Amino acid sequence: MVFDRRVSWIKNLSIVAWVAVCSRNSKLKDWLAMQCVKGSSTLRVAPKGDKPSPRNVFRYGSQDHQIKAFLKYRKLIKRIKKGVK
């Protein structure tokens, strides 16, 4: 998940936990548990091994702050990975 504004660590955890419970996705619950153990979240923007790049599945509300910056950064990473300047 990418938020358009800064959120506290507690708010981030509560939102991810809510999505994990509603989706009934055991892998997401495992991922959430590991983020809690680490004390930080990891947001992957490029492919990893045989896993594809993360994709947008839902957008809501304004997207002109942090999301815009994230998408710009993601595009840069993909261009670097492809070797395009």
Protein backbone atom coordinates (compact mmCIF):
# COMPACT_ATOMS: atom_id res chain seq x y z
CA MET A 1 0.00 0.00 0.00
CA VAL A 2 1.13 3.51 -0.76
CA PHE A 3 -0.47 6.43 1.08
CA ASP A 4 -0.72 9.93 -0.34
CA ARG A 5 0.29 11.45 2.98
CA ARG A 6 2.52 10.44 5.82
CA VAL A 7 0.93 8.02 8.26
CA SER A 8 2.17 6.86 11.64
CA TRP A 9 3.64 3.39 12.05
CA ILE A 10 0.62 2.37 14.17
CA LYS A 11 -1.84 3.64 11.54
CA ASN A 12 0.11 1.84 8.81
CA LEU A 13 0.01 -1.43 10.76
CA SER A 14 -3.69 -1.13 11.50
CA ILE A 15 -4.56 -0.52 7.83
CA VAL A 16 -2.40 -3.39 6.58
CA ALA A 17 -3.86 -5.66 9.28
CA TRP A 18 -7.40 -4.69 8.26
CA VAL A 19 -6.62 -5.51 4.61
CA ALA A 20 -4.99 -8.82 5.63
CA VAL A 21 -8.03 -9.85 7.66
CA CYS A 22 -10.56 -8.76 5.01
CA SER A 23 -8.64 -10.44 2.17
CA ARG A 24 -8.11 -13.66 4.15
CA ASN A 25 -4.66 -13.77 2.54
CA SER A 26 -2.37 -15.87 4.74
CA LYS A 27 0.76 -14.65 2.91
CA LEU A 28 -0.20 -11.04 3.65
CA LYS A 29 -0.71 -11.94 7.31
CA ASP A 30 2.75 -13.55 7.37
CA TRP A 31 4.25 -10.48 5.68
CA LEU A 32 2.55 -8.22 8.23
CA ALA A 33 3.94 -10.28 11.10
CA MET A 34 7.48 -9.94 9.69
CA GLN A 35 7.09 -6.16 9.31
CA CYS A 36 6.05 -6.01 12.97
CA VAL A 37 9.10 -8.07 13.99
CA LYS A 38 11.43 -5.86 11.91
CA GLY A 39 9.78 -2.64 13.05
CA SER A 40 9.67 -1.24 9.52
CA SER A 41 7.92 -1.84 6.22
CA THR A 42 9.52 -2.66 2.90
CA LEU A 43 7.99 -1.44 -0.34
CA ARG A 44 9.35 -3.21 -3.41
CA VAL A 45 9.17 -1.26 -6.68
CA ALA A 46 10.94 -3.62 -9.10
CA PRO A 47 10.82 -7.34 -9.88
CA LYS A 48 12.49 -9.68 -7.39
CA GLY A 49 13.74 -13.00 -8.68
CA ASP A 50 10.81 -14.69 -10.37
CA LYS A 51 8.29 -12.32 -8.79
CA PRO A 52 6.88 -9.58 -11.06
CA SER A 53 6.87 -5.89 -10.20
CA PRO A 54 4.13 -4.86 -7.76
CA ARG A 55 1.03 -3.62 -9.54
CA ASN A 56 -1.72 -1.13 -8.84
CA VAL A 57 -4.93 -2.88 -7.88
CA PHE A 58 -6.95 -0.01 -6.43
CA ARG A 59 -6.66 3.75 -6.16
CA TYR A 60 -8.69 6.03 -3.97
CA GLY A 61 -8.76 9.79 -3.42
CA SER A 62 -6.09 12.37 -4.13
CA GLN A 63 -2.85 11.11 -5.62
CA ASP A 64 -0.87 14.29 -6.06
CA HIS A 65 1.59 14.05 -3.16
CA GLN A 66 3.34 10.88 -1.92
CA ILE A 67 1.74 8.61 -4.54
CA LYS A 68 2.85 10.89 -7.37
CA ALA A 69 6.39 10.85 -5.95
CA PHE A 70 6.28 7.06 -5.55
CA LEU A 71 5.14 6.50 -9.15
CA LYS A 72 7.88 8.83 -10.43
CA TYR A 73 10.49 6.94 -8.40
CA ARG A 74 9.11 3.59 -9.58
CA LYS A 75 9.34 4.71 -13.21
CA LEU A 76 12.97 5.78 -12.65
CA ILE A 77 13.86 2.41 -11.10
CA LYS A 78 12.28 0.55 -14.02
CA ARG A 79 14.20 2.68 -16.53
CA ILE A 80 17.47 2.07 -14.69
CA LYS A 81 16.76 -1.66 -14.60
CA LYS A 82 16.14 -1.67 -18.36
CA GLY A 83 19.32 0.36 -18.94
CA VAL A 84 17.42 3.30 -20.46
CA LYS A 85 18.48 6.84 -19.60
